[in-house]
Amino acid sequence: MTADEYRAALKRLGLTQAGASRLLGVSDRTGRAYAIDGPTGPAARVIQALEFMTPTQRAKFTTQIAA
């Protein structure tokens, strides 16, 4: 996933860079690096998986991650 694809995915998901960083369990600095250089493989796969989920599934997933 390129940086452009990452930023576009965040926009589609309604996530800020900071929100995505929290969700992915990375620092804000790393989240900013993802927006410049593109995310690592595991982070990219999580974002891609979120895009395939329904809004209800995403809400459940993010709630479980935050717990």
PDB file of N, CA and C in Angstrom:
ATOM      1  N   MET A   1       0.862  -1.169   0.000  1.00  0.00           N
ATOM      2  CA  MET A   1       0.000   0.000   0.000  1.00  0.00           C
ATOM      3  C   MET A   1       0.908   1.231   0.000  1.00  0.00           C
ATOM      4  N   THR A   2       0.639   2.114  -0.930  1.00  0.00           N
ATOM      5  CA  THR A   2       1.410   3.353  -1.006  1.00  0.00           C
ATOM      6  C   THR A   2       0.878   4.357   0.009  1.00  0.00           C
ATOM      7  N   ALA A   3       1.627   5.411   0.203  1.00  0.00           N
ATOM      8  CA  ALA A   3       1.187   6.470   1.104  1.00  0.00           C
ATOM      9  C   ALA A   3      -0.109   7.106   0.605  1.00  0.00           C
ATOM     10  N   ASP A   4      -0.224   7.304  -0.707  1.00  0.00           N
ATOM     11  CA  ASP A   4      -1.459   7.879  -1.268  1.00  0.00           C
ATOM     12  C   ASP A   4      -2.643   6.957  -1.018  1.00  0.00           C
ATOM     13  N   GLU A   5      -2.448   5.662  -1.211  1.00  0.00           N
ATOM     14  CA  GLU A   5      -3.524   4.694  -0.965  1.00  0.00           C
ATOM     15  C   GLU A   5      -3.906   4.676   0.518  1.00  0.00           C
ATOM     16  N   TYR A   6      -2.903   4.768   1.376  1.00  0.00           N
ATOM     17  CA  TYR A   6      -3.146   4.792   2.821  1.00  0.00           C
ATOM     18  C   TYR A   6      -3.992   6.005   3.201  1.00  0.00           C
ATOM     19  N   ARG A   7      -3.587   7.187   2.744  1.00  0.00           N
ATOM     20  CA  ARG A   7      -4.332   8.404   3.072  1.00  0.00           C
ATOM     21  C   ARG A   7      -5.755   8.350   2.517  1.00  0.00           C
ATOM     22  N   ALA A   8      -5.907   7.817   1.318  1.00  0.00           N
ATOM     23  CA  ALA A   8      -7.247   7.690   0.727  1.00  0.00           C
ATOM     24  C   ALA A   8      -8.107   6.715   1.534  1.00  0.00           C
ATOM     25  N   ALA A   9      -7.507   5.621   1.974  1.00  0.00           N
ATOM     26  CA  ALA A   9      -8.247   4.632   2.774  1.00  0.00           C
ATOM     27  C   ALA A   9      -8.692   5.243   4.100  1.00  0.00           C
ATOM     28  N   LEU A  10      -7.812   6.005   4.730  1.00  0.00           N
ATOM     29  CA  LEU A  10      -8.193   6.657   5.979  1.00  0.00           C
ATOM     30  C   LEU A  10      -9.364   7.595   5.762  1.00  0.00           C
ATOM     31  N   LYS A  11      -9.327   8.315   4.666  1.00  0.00           N
ATOM     32  CA  LYS A  11     -10.425   9.244   4.352  1.00  0.00           C
ATOM     33  C   LYS A  11     -11.732   8.474   4.168  1.00  0.00           C
ATOM     34  N   ARG A  12     -11.677   7.379   3.407  1.00  0.00           N
ATOM     35  CA  ARG A  12     -12.888   6.569   3.192  1.00  0.00           C
ATOM     36  C   ARG A  12     -13.413   5.989   4.495  1.00  0.00           C
ATOM     37  N   LEU A  13     -12.499   5.629   5.402  1.00  0.00           N
ATOM     38  CA  LEU A  13     -12.888   5.036   6.677  1.00  0.00           C
ATOM     39  C   LEU A  13     -13.272   6.080   7.726  1.00  0.00           C
ATOM     40  N   GLY A  14     -13.045   7.354   7.408  1.00  0.00           N
ATOM     41  CA  GLY A  14     -13.355   8.411   8.358  1.00  0.00           C
ATOM     42  C   GLY A  14     -12.387   8.455   9.527  1.00  0.00           C
ATOM     43  N   LEU A  15     -11.145   8.040   9.281  1.00  0.00           N
ATOM     44  CA  LEU A  15     -10.124   8.036  10.321  1.00  0.00           C
ATOM     45  C   LEU A  15      -9.129   9.174  10.105  1.00  0.00           C
ATOM     46  N   THR A  16      -8.718   9.775  11.187  1.00  0.00           N
ATOM     47  CA  THR A  16      -7.617  10.722  11.119  1.00  0.00           C
ATOM     48  C   THR A  16      -6.321   9.922  11.204  1.00  0.00           C
ATOM     49  N   GLN A  17      -5.199  10.570  10.935  1.00  0.00           N
ATOM     50  CA  GLN A  17      -3.919   9.890  11.090  1.00  0.00           C
ATOM     51  C   GLN A  17      -3.704   9.485  12.542  1.00  0.00           C
ATOM     52  N   ALA A  18      -4.065  10.366  13.470  1.00  0.00           N
ATOM     53  CA  ALA A  18      -3.912  10.049  14.895  1.00  0.00           C
ATOM     54  C   ALA A  18      -4.823   8.888  15.292  1.00  0.00           C
ATOM     55  N   GLY A  19      -6.063   8.895  14.795  1.00  0.00           N
ATOM     56  CA  GLY A  19      -6.992   7.808  15.092  1.00  0.00           C
ATOM     57  C   GLY A  19      -6.508   6.479  14.540  1.00  0.00           C
ATOM     58  N   ALA A  20      -5.962   6.513  13.337  1.00  0.00           N
ATOM     59  CA  ALA A  20      -5.430   5.292  12.741  1.00  0.00           C
ATOM     60  C   ALA A  20      -4.223   4.798  13.526  1.00  0.00           C
ATOM     61  N   SER A  21      -3.401   5.715  13.999  1.00  0.00           N
ATOM     62  CA  SER A  21      -2.239   5.335  14.803  1.00  0.00           C
ATOM     63  C   SER A  21      -2.673   4.610  16.066  1.00  0.00           C
ATOM     64  N   ARG A  22      -3.680   5.151  16.748  1.00  0.00           N
ATOM     65  CA  ARG A  22      -4.189   4.503  17.963  1.00  0.00           C
ATOM     66  C   ARG A  22      -4.744   3.124  17.638  1.00  0.00           C
ATOM     67  N   LEU A  23      -5.520   3.042  16.564  1.00  0.00           N
ATOM     68  CA  LEU A  23      -6.110   1.772  16.164  1.00  0.00           C
ATOM     69  C   LEU A  23      -5.049   0.732  15.831  1.00  0.00           C
ATOM     70  N   LEU A  24      -3.996   1.161  15.169  1.00  0.00           N
ATOM     71  CA  LEU A  24      -2.933   0.248  14.763  1.00  0.00           C
ATOM     72  C   LEU A  24      -1.925  -0.026  15.883  1.00  0.00           C
ATOM     73  N   GLY A  25      -2.034   0.734  16.973  1.00  0.00           N
ATOM     74  CA  GLY A  25      -1.133   0.534  18.093  1.00  0.00           C
ATOM     75  C   GLY A  25       0.279   1.036  17.856  1.00  0.00           C
ATOM     76  N   VAL A  26       0.369   2.108  17.062  1.00  0.00           N
ATOM     77  CA  VAL A  26       1.681   2.705  16.786  1.00  0.00           C
ATOM     78  C   VAL A  26       1.687   4.137  17.292  1.00  0.00           C
ATOM     79  N   SER A  27       2.877   4.697  17.415  1.00  0.00           N
ATOM     80  CA  SER A  27       2.998   6.084  17.865  1.00  0.00           C
ATOM     81  C   SER A  27       2.470   7.034  16.790  1.00  0.00           C
ATOM     82  N   ASP A  28       2.172   8.258  17.215  1.00  0.00           N
ATOM     83  CA  ASP A  28       1.737   9.268  16.243  1.00  0.00           C
ATOM     84  C   ASP A  28       2.835   9.511  15.207  1.00  0.00           C
ATOM     85  N   ARG A  29       4.072   9.457  15.644  1.00  0.00           N
ATOM     86  CA  ARG A  29       5.201   9.656  14.723  1.00  0.00           C
ATOM     87  C   ARG A  29       5.205   8.576  13.638  1.00  0.00           C
ATOM     88  N   THR A  30       4.982   7.339  14.044  1.00  0.00           N
ATOM     89  CA  THR A  30       4.928   6.243  13.072  1.00  0.00           C
ATOM     90  C   THR A  30       3.732   6.424  12.139  1.00  0.00           C
ATOM     91  N   GLY A  31       2.608   6.854  12.696  1.00  0.00           N
ATOM     92  CA  GLY A  31       1.429   7.112  11.872  1.00  0.00           C
ATOM     93  C   GLY A  31       1.679   8.184  10.830  1.00  0.00           C
ATOM     94  N   ARG A  32       2.410   9.213  11.210  1.00  0.00           N
ATOM     95  CA  ARG A  32       2.759  10.267  10.246  1.00  0.00           C
ATOM     96  C   ARG A  32       3.703   9.717   9.177  1.00  0.00           C
ATOM     97  N   ALA A  33       4.611   8.840   9.593  1.00  0.00           N
ATOM     98  CA  ALA A  33       5.531   8.219   8.622  1.00  0.00           C
ATOM     99  C   ALA A  33       4.746   7.363   7.626  1.00  0.00           C
ATOM    100  N   TYR A  34       3.713   6.663   8.100  1.00  0.00           N
ATOM    101  CA  TYR A  34       2.880   5.868   7.189  1.00  0.00           C
ATOM    102  C   TYR A  34       2.246   6.766   6.126  1.00  0.00           C
ATOM    103  N   ALA A  35       1.831   7.956   6.518  1.00  0.00           N
ATOM    104  CA  ALA A  35       1.191   8.874   5.580  1.00  0.00           C
ATOM    105  C   ALA A  35       2.180   9.435   4.563  1.00  0.00           C
ATOM    106  N   ILE A  36       3.470   9.392   4.894  1.00  0.00           N
ATOM    107  CA  ILE A  36       4.500   9.893   3.980  1.00  0.00           C
ATOM    108  C   ILE A  36       5.102   8.771   3.133  1.00  0.00           C
ATOM    109  N   ASP A  37       5.412   7.648   3.785  1.00  0.00           N
ATOM    110  CA  ASP A  37       6.124   6.550   3.124  1.00  0.00           C
ATOM    111  C   ASP A  37       5.267   5.333   2.812  1.00  0.00           C
ATOM    112  N   GLY A  38       4.057   5.284   3.352  1.00  0.00           N
ATOM    113  CA  GLY A  38       3.216   4.103   3.229  1.00  0.00           C
ATOM    114  C   GLY A  38       3.398   3.220   4.448  1.00  0.00           C
ATOM    115  N   PRO A  39       2.365   2.502   4.835  1.00  0.00           N
ATOM    116  CA  PRO A  39       2.429   1.672   6.034  1.00  0.00           C
ATOM    117  C   PRO A  39       3.195   0.368   5.797  1.00  0.00           C
ATOM    118  N   THR A  40       3.619  -0.233   6.909  1.00  0.00           N
ATOM    119  CA  THR A  40       4.243  -1.548   6.841  1.00  0.00           C
ATOM    120  C   THR A  40       3.201  -2.576   6.402  1.00  0.00           C
ATOM    121  N   GLY A  41       3.655  -3.746   6.042  1.00  0.00           N
ATOM    122  CA  GLY A  41       2.747  -4.792   5.575  1.00  0.00           C
ATOM    123  C   GLY A  41       1.601  -5.087   6.528  1.00  0.00           C
ATOM    124  N   PRO A  42       1.882  -5.384   7.823  1.00  0.00           N
ATOM    125  CA  PRO A  42       0.783  -5.695   8.739  1.00  0.00           C
ATOM    126  C   PRO A  42      -0.203  -4.536   8.902  1.00  0.00           C
ATOM    127  N   ALA A  43       0.299  -3.311   9.003  1.00  0.00           N
ATOM    128  CA  ALA A  43      -0.588  -2.155   9.151  1.00  0.00           C
ATOM    129  C   ALA A  43      -1.444  -1.974   7.898  1.00  0.00           C
ATOM    130  N   ALA A  44      -0.849  -2.164   6.753  1.00  0.00           N
ATOM    131  CA  ALA A  44      -1.597  -2.041   5.495  1.00  0.00           C
ATOM    132  C   ALA A  44      -2.707  -3.085   5.432  1.00  0.00           C
ATOM    133  N   ARG A  45      -2.403  -4.306   5.883  1.00  0.00           N
ATOM    134  CA  ARG A  45      -3.422  -5.362   5.839  1.00  0.00           C
ATOM    135  C   ARG A  45      -4.587  -5.067   6.776  1.00  0.00           C
ATOM    136  N   VAL A  46      -4.300  -4.468   7.925  1.00  0.00           N
ATOM    137  CA  VAL A  46      -5.386  -4.107   8.838  1.00  0.00           C
ATOM    138  C   VAL A  46      -6.279  -3.053   8.194  1.00  0.00           C
ATOM    139  N   ILE A  47      -5.684  -2.040   7.605  1.00  0.00           N
ATOM    140  CA  ILE A  47      -6.469  -0.987   6.943  1.00  0.00           C
ATOM    141  C   ILE A  47      -7.291  -1.578   5.797  1.00  0.00           C
ATOM    142  N   GLN A  48      -6.675  -2.451   5.006  1.00  0.00           N
ATOM    143  CA  GLN A  48      -7.402  -3.083   3.905  1.00  0.00           C
ATOM    144  C   GLN A  48      -8.545  -3.939   4.439  1.00  0.00           C
ATOM    145  N   ALA A  49      -8.322  -4.660   5.524  1.00  0.00           N
ATOM    146  CA  ALA A  49      -9.388  -5.487   6.104  1.00  0.00           C
ATOM    147  C   ALA A  49     -10.532  -4.618   6.597  1.00  0.00           C
ATOM    148  N   LEU A  50     -10.213  -3.487   7.213  1.00  0.00           N
ATOM    149  CA  LEU A  50     -11.259  -2.582   7.684  1.00  0.00           C
ATOM    150  C   LEU A  50     -12.143  -2.114   6.540  1.00  0.00           C
ATOM    151  N   GLU A  51     -11.546  -1.924   5.376  1.00  0.00           N
ATOM    152  CA  GLU A  51     -12.339  -1.461   4.228  1.00  0.00           C
ATOM    153  C   GLU A  51     -13.326  -2.522   3.738  1.00  0.00           C
ATOM    154  N   PHE A  52     -13.028  -3.783   3.984  1.00  0.00           N
ATOM    155  CA  PHE A  52     -13.933  -4.850   3.563  1.00  0.00           C
ATOM    156  C   PHE A  52     -15.059  -5.097   4.561  1.00  0.00           C
ATOM    157  N   MET A  53     -14.916  -4.567   5.771  1.00  0.00           N
ATOM    158  CA  MET A  53     -15.919  -4.768   6.809  1.00  0.00           C
ATOM    159  C   MET A  53     -17.085  -3.805   6.633  1.00  0.00           C
ATOM    160  N   THR A  54     -18.240  -4.246   7.102  1.00  0.00           N
ATOM    161  CA  THR A  54     -19.379  -3.343   7.157  1.00  0.00           C
ATOM    162  C   THR A  54     -19.152  -2.366   8.305  1.00  0.00           C
ATOM    163  N   PRO A  55     -19.875  -1.262   8.327  1.00  0.00           N
ATOM    164  CA  PRO A  55     -19.717  -0.330   9.451  1.00  0.00           C
ATOM    165  C   PRO A  55     -19.954  -1.006  10.810  1.00  0.00           C
ATOM    166  N   THR A  56     -20.895  -1.918  10.885  1.00  0.00           N
ATOM    167  CA  THR A  56     -21.162  -2.627  12.140  1.00  0.00           C
ATOM    168  C   THR A  56     -19.974  -3.501  12.525  1.00  0.00           C
ATOM    169  N   GLN A  57     -19.410  -4.204  11.566  1.00  0.00           N
ATOM    170  CA  GLN A  57     -18.250  -5.039  11.840  1.00  0.00           C
ATOM    171  C   GLN A  57     -17.059  -4.193  12.271  1.00  0.00           C
ATOM    172  N   ARG A  58     -16.866  -3.050  11.606  1.00  0.00           N
ATOM    173  CA  ARG A  58     -15.765  -2.154  11.974  1.00  0.00           C
ATOM    174  C   ARG A  58     -15.924  -1.658  13.404  1.00  0.00           C
ATOM    175  N   ALA A  59     -17.152  -1.302  13.770  1.00  0.00           N
ATOM    176  CA  ALA A  59     -17.405  -0.807  15.121  1.00  0.00           C
ATOM    177  C   ALA A  59     -17.080  -1.885  16.151  1.00  0.00           C
ATOM    178  N   LYS A  60     -17.500  -3.118  15.884  1.00  0.00           N
ATOM    179  CA  LYS A  60     -17.193  -4.225  16.795  1.00  0.00           C
ATOM    180  C   LYS A  60     -15.687  -4.439  16.900  1.00  0.00           C
ATOM    181  N   PHE A  61     -15.020  -4.434  15.761  1.00  0.00           N
ATOM    182  CA  PHE A  61     -13.583  -4.657  15.721  1.00  0.00           C
ATOM    183  C   PHE A  61     -12.842  -3.583  16.501  1.00  0.00           C
ATOM    184  N   THR A  62     -13.169  -2.326  16.241  1.00  0.00           N
ATOM    185  CA  THR A  62     -12.458  -1.247  16.915  1.00  0.00           C
ATOM    186  C   THR A  62     -12.759  -1.228  18.405  1.00  0.00           C
ATOM    187  N   THR A  63     -13.966  -1.602  18.796  1.00  0.00           N
ATOM    188  CA  THR A  63     -14.302  -1.685  20.208  1.00  0.00           C
ATOM    189  C   THR A  63     -13.495  -2.772  20.891  1.00  0.00           C
ATOM    190  N   GLN A  64     -13.330  -3.908  20.223  1.00  0.00           N
ATOM    191  CA  GLN A  64     -12.557  -4.999  20.797  1.00  0.00           C
ATOM    192  C   GLN A  64     -11.081  -4.632  20.903  1.00  0.00           C
ATOM    193  N   ILE A  65     -10.572  -3.907  19.941  1.00  0.00           N
ATOM    194  CA  ILE A  65      -9.167  -3.501  19.962  1.00  0.00           C
ATOM    195  C   ILE A  65      -8.939  -2.526  21.119  1.00  0.00           C
ATOM    196  N   ALA A  66      -9.888  -1.631  21.326  1.00  0.00           N
ATOM    197  CA  ALA A  66      -9.739  -0.600  22.362  1.00  0.00           C
ATOM    198  C   ALA A  66      -9.859  -1.182  23.776  1.00  0.00           C
ATOM    199  N   ALA A  67     -10.478  -2.338  23.892  1.00  0.00           N
ATOM    200  CA  ALA A  67     -10.707  -2.933  25.239  1.00  0.00           C
ATOM    201  C   ALA A  67      -9.447  -3.475  25.858  1.00  0.00           C
TER     202      ALA A  67
END
